[in-house]
Amino acid sequence: MKKLLLLFLLIPLFVGAQNRLRISILGDSYSTFQGYIPEGNEPWYYTPVDTSRTDVDNVTQTWWWQVINQAGCLIEKNDSYSGATVSYHGYNNEDYSPRSFITRLPRLGSPDIILIFGGTNDDWAGAKLGEYQYDHFTRDDFYTYRPALAYLLQQSKERYPNVKIYFIINSGLQKEFVESTKVICHYYDIPLIELKDIDKKQNHPTVKGMKSIAQQVLEFINK
């Protein structure tokens, strides 16, 4: 009788855990933390912390951990990679296709929500915008931002049906990149979270900046 009673008491907890939404993150350095991304992906945030770079010294200070924790959700996958670009164009004109968002998209598991936080390195690495393009893609197209982003979002919706997808764009980027992202997100009916006034050190979010990102993401999603 006692065993049956214990099982009865545990059932609501088990069901509750099963019903919690699962979130996957597809990002760049802003969304990394050593030990919480796939092996081989380069982190920007790590321990022990280098205080000349950042004051973020614990995974609980990252924007994505705060979002998932405060929303009462579970982490499905975090496939983030420092320096990653949406396009295949990397720094010093290097081919970044191995770490691009397009390449890593299939590795997000089975989430209920996907948060894509990208475009920053495309801007900083000097990627060309290219033309607006929504079909008949070739590999060469992915070396420019607009076609690469369009293909990324198209594949996101096809690969993850019935999953809520949000795109997050950094503060302080060139207007052309922000406007291009808005146009393409609108075309695919993917909500765009445009960040404002993020505190940074060495162009990366501080503890204060991480908290601000989390707050802005949660406020947007909760609307």
C-alpha atoms as a PDB file:
ATOM      1  CA  MET A   1       0.000   0.000   0.000  1.00  0.00           C
ATOM      2  CA  LYS A   2       2.841   2.385   0.873  1.00  0.00           C
ATOM      3  CA  LYS A   3       4.544   1.661  -2.467  1.00  0.00           C
ATOM      4  CA  LEU A   4       1.335   2.456  -4.358  1.00  0.00           C
ATOM      5  CA  LEU A   5       0.917   5.712  -2.441  1.00  0.00           C
ATOM      6  CA  LEU A   6       4.534   6.747  -3.190  1.00  0.00           C
ATOM      7  CA  LEU A   7       4.044   6.003  -6.896  1.00  0.00           C
ATOM      8  CA  PHE A   8       0.824   8.044  -6.888  1.00  0.00           C
ATOM      9  CA  LEU A   9       2.648  11.019  -5.357  1.00  0.00           C
ATOM     10  CA  LEU A  10       5.483  10.837  -7.892  1.00  0.00           C
ATOM     11  CA  ILE A  11       3.253  10.720 -10.984  1.00  0.00           C
ATOM     12  CA  PRO A  12       2.450  14.499 -11.037  1.00  0.00           C
ATOM     13  CA  LEU A  13       6.156  15.338 -10.802  1.00  0.00           C
ATOM     14  CA  PHE A  14       7.013  13.006 -13.672  1.00  0.00           C
ATOM     15  CA  VAL A  15       4.193  14.274 -15.868  1.00  0.00           C
ATOM     16  CA  GLY A  16       5.142  17.865 -15.100  1.00  0.00           C
ATOM     17  CA  ALA A  17       8.727  17.289 -16.170  1.00  0.00           C
ATOM     18  CA  GLN A  18       7.587  15.557 -19.344  1.00  0.00           C
ATOM     19  CA  ASN A  19       5.385  18.517 -20.267  1.00  0.00           C
ATOM     20  CA  ARG A  20       8.077  21.175 -19.890  1.00  0.00           C
ATOM     21  CA  LEU A  21       9.056  22.776 -23.189  1.00  0.00           C
ATOM     22  CA  ARG A  22      12.488  21.984 -24.561  1.00  0.00           C
ATOM     23  CA  ILE A  23      14.629  24.780 -26.036  1.00  0.00           C
ATOM     24  CA  SER A  24      17.549  24.465 -28.452  1.00  0.00           C
ATOM     25  CA  ILE A  25      20.090  27.215 -29.083  1.00  0.00           C
ATOM     26  CA  LEU A  26      21.913  27.830 -32.368  1.00  0.00           C
ATOM     27  CA  GLY A  27      24.478  30.560 -31.851  1.00  0.00           C
ATOM     28  CA  ASP A  28      27.960  32.009 -31.945  1.00  0.00           C
ATOM     29  CA  SER A  29      30.338  33.073 -29.154  1.00  0.00           C
ATOM     30  CA  TYR A  30      27.588  34.942 -27.287  1.00  0.00           C
ATOM     31  CA  SER A  31      25.834  31.627 -26.628  1.00  0.00           C
ATOM     32  CA  THR A  32      28.843  29.472 -25.744  1.00  0.00           C
ATOM     33  CA  PHE A  33      30.123  28.212 -22.437  1.00  0.00           C
ATOM     34  CA  GLN A  34      32.836  25.620 -22.011  1.00  0.00           C
ATOM     35  CA  GLY A  35      31.384  22.175 -21.327  1.00  0.00           C
ATOM     36  CA  TYR A  36      27.878  23.090 -22.490  1.00  0.00           C
ATOM     37  CA  ILE A  37      28.403  22.989 -26.254  1.00  0.00           C
ATOM     38  CA  PRO A  38      29.382  20.065 -28.516  1.00  0.00           C
ATOM     39  CA  GLU A  39      32.944  18.841 -28.257  1.00  0.00           C
ATOM     40  CA  GLY A  40      35.032  20.510 -30.947  1.00  0.00           C
ATOM     41  CA  ASN A  41      32.994  23.717 -30.944  1.00  0.00           C
ATOM     42  CA  GLU A  42      35.136  26.636 -29.822  1.00  0.00           C
ATOM     43  CA  PRO A  43      33.889  28.454 -26.687  1.00  0.00           C
ATOM     44  CA  TRP A  44      34.405  32.127 -25.881  1.00  0.00           C
ATOM     45  CA  TYR A  45      33.195  31.881 -22.286  1.00  0.00           C
ATOM     46  CA  TYR A  46      35.050  29.368 -20.118  1.00  0.00           C
ATOM     47  CA  THR A  47      36.431  28.610 -16.679  1.00  0.00           C
ATOM     48  CA  PRO A  48      38.673  29.621 -15.069  1.00  0.00           C
ATOM     49  CA  VAL A  49      37.622  33.028 -16.342  1.00  0.00           C
ATOM     50  CA  ASP A  50      40.040  35.469 -17.954  1.00  0.00           C
ATOM     51  CA  THR A  51      38.938  38.702 -16.305  1.00  0.00           C
ATOM     52  CA  SER A  52      40.649  40.778 -18.996  1.00  0.00           C
ATOM     53  CA  ARG A  53      38.048  39.400 -21.401  1.00  0.00           C
ATOM     54  CA  THR A  54      34.881  39.114 -19.362  1.00  0.00           C
ATOM     55  CA  ASP A  55      33.318  38.898 -15.921  1.00  0.00           C
ATOM     56  CA  VAL A  56      31.065  35.990 -16.939  1.00  0.00           C
ATOM     57  CA  ASP A  57      32.478  33.081 -14.932  1.00  0.00           C
ATOM     58  CA  ASN A  58      29.529  30.713 -14.518  1.00  0.00           C
ATOM     59  CA  VAL A  59      27.113  29.125 -16.982  1.00  0.00           C
ATOM     60  CA  THR A  60      24.172  30.386 -14.916  1.00  0.00           C
ATOM     61  CA  GLN A  61      25.128  33.923 -15.964  1.00  0.00           C
ATOM     62  CA  THR A  62      24.681  33.215 -19.678  1.00  0.00           C
ATOM     63  CA  TRP A  63      21.627  34.680 -21.384  1.00  0.00           C
ATOM     64  CA  TRP A  64      20.346  31.311 -22.603  1.00  0.00           C
ATOM     65  CA  TRP A  65      20.636  29.609 -19.211  1.00  0.00           C
ATOM     66  CA  GLN A  66      18.660  32.450 -17.635  1.00  0.00           C
ATOM     67  CA  VAL A  67      15.963  32.283 -20.323  1.00  0.00           C
ATOM     68  CA  ILE A  68      15.534  28.526 -19.979  1.00  0.00           C
ATOM     69  CA  ASN A  69      15.582  28.635 -16.170  1.00  0.00           C
ATOM     70  CA  GLN A  70      13.197  31.570 -15.788  1.00  0.00           C
ATOM     71  CA  ALA A  71      10.798  30.158 -18.386  1.00  0.00           C
ATOM     72  CA  GLY A  72      10.707  26.828 -16.563  1.00  0.00           C
ATOM     73  CA  CYS A  73      11.897  24.994 -19.676  1.00  0.00           C
ATOM     74  CA  LEU A  74      14.520  22.348 -20.369  1.00  0.00           C
ATOM     75  CA  ILE A  75      17.631  22.565 -22.544  1.00  0.00           C
ATOM     76  CA  GLU A  76      17.489  20.268 -25.576  1.00  0.00           C
ATOM     77  CA  LYS A  77      20.710  21.231 -27.410  1.00  0.00           C
ATOM     78  CA  ASN A  78      23.060  24.195 -27.462  1.00  0.00           C
ATOM     79  CA  ASP A  79      25.056  24.073 -30.685  1.00  0.00           C
ATOM     80  CA  SER A  80      26.958  27.347 -30.466  1.00  0.00           C
ATOM     81  CA  TYR A  81      30.409  28.008 -31.897  1.00  0.00           C
ATOM     82  CA  SER A  82      32.631  31.042 -31.293  1.00  0.00           C
ATOM     83  CA  GLY A  83      33.205  33.073 -34.442  1.00  0.00           C
ATOM     84  CA  ALA A  84      30.465  31.271 -36.353  1.00  0.00           C
ATOM     85  CA  THR A  85      28.797  32.980 -39.285  1.00  0.00           C
ATOM     86  CA  VAL A  86      25.395  32.424 -40.843  1.00  0.00           C
ATOM     87  CA  SER A  87      27.085  32.509 -44.236  1.00  0.00           C
ATOM     88  CA  TYR A  88      30.171  30.595 -45.311  1.00  0.00           C
ATOM     89  CA  HIS A  89      32.261  33.793 -45.355  1.00  0.00           C
ATOM     90  CA  GLY A  90      34.602  33.985 -42.369  1.00  0.00           C
ATOM     91  CA  TYR A  91      37.292  36.262 -41.028  1.00  0.00           C
ATOM     92  CA  ASN A  92      40.240  36.966 -43.338  1.00  0.00           C
ATOM     93  CA  ASN A  93      38.117  35.613 -46.200  1.00  0.00           C
ATOM     94  CA  GLU A  94      38.407  32.091 -44.811  1.00  0.00           C
ATOM     95  CA  ASP A  95      35.828  29.426 -45.598  1.00  0.00           C
ATOM     96  CA  TYR A  96      33.696  29.085 -42.462  1.00  0.00           C
ATOM     97  CA  SER A  97      31.291  26.509 -43.868  1.00  0.00           C
ATOM     98  CA  PRO A  98      32.280  23.865 -41.264  1.00  0.00           C
ATOM     99  CA  ARG A  99      31.132  26.119 -38.407  1.00  0.00           C
ATOM    100  CA  SER A 100      28.365  28.008 -40.191  1.00  0.00           C
ATOM    101  CA  PHE A 101      24.820  28.099 -38.849  1.00  0.00           C
ATOM    102  CA  ILE A 102      23.634  26.242 -41.956  1.00  0.00           C
ATOM    103  CA  THR A 103      25.971  23.323 -41.267  1.00  0.00           C
ATOM    104  CA  ARG A 104      25.048  23.051 -37.568  1.00  0.00           C
ATOM    105  CA  LEU A 105      21.285  23.439 -38.001  1.00  0.00           C
ATOM    106  CA  PRO A 106      20.538  19.682 -38.199  1.00  0.00           C
ATOM    107  CA  ARG A 107      22.111  19.047 -34.793  1.00  0.00           C
ATOM    108  CA  LEU A 108      19.441  20.651 -32.583  1.00  0.00           C
ATOM    109  CA  GLY A 109      17.625  17.519 -31.453  1.00  0.00           C
ATOM    110  CA  SER A 110      13.853  17.545 -30.943  1.00  0.00           C
ATOM    111  CA  PRO A 111      13.021  20.939 -29.413  1.00  0.00           C
ATOM    112  CA  ASP A 112       9.736  22.758 -28.947  1.00  0.00           C
ATOM    113  CA  ILE A 113      11.445  26.141 -29.347  1.00  0.00           C
ATOM    114  CA  ILE A 114      14.578  27.157 -31.257  1.00  0.00           C
ATOM    115  CA  LEU A 115      16.448  30.384 -30.496  1.00  0.00           C
ATOM    116  CA  ILE A 116      18.817  31.358 -33.314  1.00  0.00           C
ATOM    117  CA  PHE A 117      21.232  34.125 -32.324  1.00  0.00           C
ATOM    118  CA  GLY A 118      23.375  35.046 -35.323  1.00  0.00           C
ATOM    119  CA  GLY A 119      24.545  37.573 -37.875  1.00  0.00           C
ATOM    120  CA  THR A 120      27.105  39.231 -35.637  1.00  0.00           C
ATOM    121  CA  ASN A 121      30.188  37.619 -37.159  1.00  0.00           C
ATOM    122  CA  ASP A 122      28.896  38.054 -40.699  1.00  0.00           C
ATOM    123  CA  ASP A 123      28.862  41.790 -40.024  1.00  0.00           C
ATOM    124  CA  TRP A 124      32.216  41.856 -38.238  1.00  0.00           C
ATOM    125  CA  ALA A 125      33.935  39.592 -40.795  1.00  0.00           C
ATOM    126  CA  GLY A 126      32.874  41.819 -43.662  1.00  0.00           C
ATOM    127  CA  ALA A 127      30.598  39.369 -45.444  1.00  0.00           C
ATOM    128  CA  LYS A 128      28.860  40.758 -48.509  1.00  0.00           C
ATOM    129  CA  LEU A 129      25.110  41.122 -48.224  1.00  0.00           C
ATOM    130  CA  GLY A 130      24.309  39.618 -51.627  1.00  0.00           C
ATOM    131  CA  GLU A 131      20.824  39.752 -53.132  1.00  0.00           C
ATOM    132  CA  TYR A 132      17.515  38.774 -51.608  1.00  0.00           C
ATOM    133  CA  GLN A 133      16.948  35.210 -52.746  1.00  0.00           C
ATOM    134  CA  TYR A 134      14.436  32.602 -51.613  1.00  0.00           C
ATOM    135  CA  ASP A 135      14.903  29.618 -53.921  1.00  0.00           C
ATOM    136  CA  HIS A 136      17.239  27.902 -56.400  1.00  0.00           C
ATOM    137  CA  PHE A 137      20.149  28.152 -53.969  1.00  0.00           C
ATOM    138  CA  THR A 138      23.667  27.058 -54.879  1.00  0.00           C
ATOM    139  CA  ARG A 139      26.656  26.620 -52.582  1.00  0.00           C
ATOM    140  CA  ASP A 140      28.196  29.826 -53.957  1.00  0.00           C
ATOM    141  CA  ASP A 141      25.137  31.751 -52.775  1.00  0.00           C
ATOM    142  CA  PHE A 142      25.936  30.865 -49.186  1.00  0.00           C
ATOM    143  CA  TYR A 143      29.055  33.019 -49.184  1.00  0.00           C
ATOM    144  CA  THR A 144      26.819  36.098 -48.951  1.00  0.00           C
ATOM    145  CA  TYR A 145      24.583  36.931 -46.026  1.00  0.00           C
ATOM    146  CA  ARG A 146      21.093  37.343 -47.481  1.00  0.00           C
ATOM    147  CA  PRO A 147      20.883  34.046 -49.399  1.00  0.00           C
ATOM    148  CA  ALA A 148      22.567  32.182 -46.533  1.00  0.00           C
ATOM    149  CA  LEU A 149      20.110  33.542 -43.976  1.00  0.00           C
ATOM    150  CA  ALA A 150      17.156  32.818 -46.247  1.00  0.00           C
ATOM    151  CA  TYR A 151      18.286  29.229 -46.713  1.00  0.00           C
ATOM    152  CA  LEU A 152      18.921  28.836 -42.976  1.00  0.00           C
ATOM    153  CA  LEU A 153      15.410  29.973 -42.095  1.00  0.00           C
ATOM    154  CA  GLN A 154      13.816  27.965 -44.898  1.00  0.00           C
ATOM    155  CA  GLN A 155      15.578  24.826 -43.705  1.00  0.00           C
ATOM    156  CA  SER A 156      14.715  25.624 -40.087  1.00  0.00           C
ATOM    157  CA  LYS A 157      11.013  25.554 -40.870  1.00  0.00           C
ATOM    158  CA  GLU A 158      11.239  22.458 -43.063  1.00  0.00           C
ATOM    159  CA  ARG A 159      13.441  20.457 -40.703  1.00  0.00           C
ATOM    160  CA  TYR A 160      11.599  21.440 -37.516  1.00  0.00           C
ATOM    161  CA  PRO A 161       7.860  21.588 -38.315  1.00  0.00           C
ATOM    162  CA  ASN A 162       5.565  22.700 -35.497  1.00  0.00           C
ATOM    163  CA  VAL A 163       8.558  24.160 -33.637  1.00  0.00           C
ATOM    164  CA  LYS A 164       8.456  27.826 -32.626  1.00  0.00           C
ATOM    165  CA  ILE A 165      11.536  29.557 -34.063  1.00  0.00           C
ATOM    166  CA  TYR A 166      12.878  32.961 -33.033  1.00  0.00           C
ATOM    167  CA  PHE A 167      15.812  34.854 -34.511  1.00  0.00           C
ATOM    168  CA  ILE A 168      17.849  37.168 -32.260  1.00  0.00           C
ATOM    169  CA  ILE A 169      19.934  40.006 -33.741  1.00  0.00           C
ATOM    170  CA  ASN A 170      22.695  41.722 -31.798  1.00  0.00           C
ATOM    171  CA  SER A 171      22.822  45.406 -30.873  1.00  0.00           C
ATOM    172  CA  GLY A 172      25.389  47.646 -32.552  1.00  0.00           C
ATOM    173  CA  LEU A 173      25.412  45.995 -35.986  1.00  0.00           C
ATOM    174  CA  GLN A 174      25.405  47.834 -39.302  1.00  0.00           C
ATOM    175  CA  LYS A 175      21.958  49.001 -40.376  1.00  0.00           C
ATOM    176  CA  GLU A 176      22.192  47.053 -43.638  1.00  0.00           C
ATOM    177  CA  PHE A 177      22.597  43.759 -41.790  1.00  0.00           C
ATOM    178  CA  VAL A 178      19.795  44.514 -39.356  1.00  0.00           C
ATOM    179  CA  GLU A 179      17.411  45.600 -42.127  1.00  0.00           C
ATOM    180  CA  SER A 180      18.281  42.554 -44.239  1.00  0.00           C
ATOM    181  CA  THR A 181      17.579  40.283 -41.276  1.00  0.00           C
ATOM    182  CA  LYS A 182      14.218  41.959 -40.693  1.00  0.00           C
ATOM    183  CA  VAL A 183      13.173  41.527 -44.323  1.00  0.00           C
ATOM    184  CA  ILE A 184      14.128  37.849 -44.469  1.00  0.00           C
ATOM    185  CA  CYS A 185      12.616  36.968 -41.085  1.00  0.00           C
ATOM    186  CA  HIS A 186       9.386  38.651 -42.186  1.00  0.00           C
ATOM    187  CA  TYR A 187       9.371  36.652 -45.418  1.00  0.00           C
ATOM    188  CA  TYR A 188       9.528  33.377 -43.471  1.00  0.00           C
ATOM    189  CA  ASP A 189       7.231  34.613 -40.699  1.00  0.00           C
ATOM    190  CA  ILE A 190       9.898  34.109 -38.063  1.00  0.00           C
ATOM    191  CA  PRO A 191       9.765  36.575 -35.128  1.00  0.00           C
ATOM    192  CA  LEU A 192      12.845  38.782 -34.847  1.00  0.00           C
ATOM    193  CA  ILE A 193      14.121  39.880 -31.448  1.00  0.00           C
ATOM    194  CA  GLU A 194      16.192  43.027 -32.001  1.00  0.00           C
ATOM    195  CA  LEU A 195      18.384  43.630 -28.951  1.00  0.00           C
ATOM    196  CA  LYS A 196      18.992  47.103 -27.539  1.00  0.00           C
ATOM    197  CA  ASP A 197      21.673  48.602 -25.258  1.00  0.00           C
ATOM    198  CA  ILE A 198      23.642  45.469 -24.362  1.00  0.00           C
ATOM    199  CA  ASP A 199      26.564  46.032 -21.985  1.00  0.00           C
ATOM    200  CA  LYS A 200      29.751  44.524 -23.448  1.00  0.00           C
ATOM    201  CA  LYS A 201      33.452  44.034 -22.836  1.00  0.00           C
ATOM    202  CA  GLN A 202      35.662  43.212 -25.812  1.00  0.00           C
ATOM    203  CA  ASN A 203      32.440  43.314 -27.851  1.00  0.00           C
ATOM    204  CA  HIS A 204      30.926  40.447 -25.830  1.00  0.00           C
ATOM    205  CA  PRO A 205      28.159  40.584 -23.218  1.00  0.00           C
ATOM    206  CA  THR A 206      29.169  41.103 -19.608  1.00  0.00           C
ATOM    207  CA  VAL A 207      27.162  39.685 -16.712  1.00  0.00           C
ATOM    208  CA  LYS A 208      25.016  42.811 -16.971  1.00  0.00           C
ATOM    209  CA  GLY A 209      24.718  42.378 -20.734  1.00  0.00           C
ATOM    210  CA  MET A 210      23.741  38.725 -20.426  1.00  0.00           C
ATOM    211  CA  LYS A 211      20.990  39.610 -17.986  1.00  0.00           C
ATOM    212  CA  SER A 212      19.696  42.285 -20.341  1.00  0.00           C
ATOM    213  CA  ILE A 213      19.626  39.848 -23.279  1.00  0.00           C
ATOM    214  CA  ALA A 214      17.701  37.318 -21.200  1.00  0.00           C
ATOM    215  CA  GLN A 215      15.178  39.947 -20.101  1.00  0.00           C
ATOM    216  CA  GLN A 216      14.608  41.195 -23.654  1.00  0.00           C
ATOM    217  CA  VAL A 217      14.189  37.681 -25.025  1.00  0.00           C
ATOM    218  CA  LEU A 218      11.748  36.695 -22.277  1.00  0.00           C
ATOM    219  CA  GLU A 219       9.737  39.892 -22.639  1.00  0.00           C
ATOM    220  CA  PHE A 220       9.420  39.352 -26.373  1.00  0.00           C
ATOM    221  CA  ILE A 221       8.424  35.700 -26.112  1.00  0.00           C
ATOM    222  CA  ASN A 222       5.927  36.416 -23.340  1.00  0.00           C
ATOM    223  CA  LYS A 223       4.051  39.044 -25.349  1.00  0.00           C
END
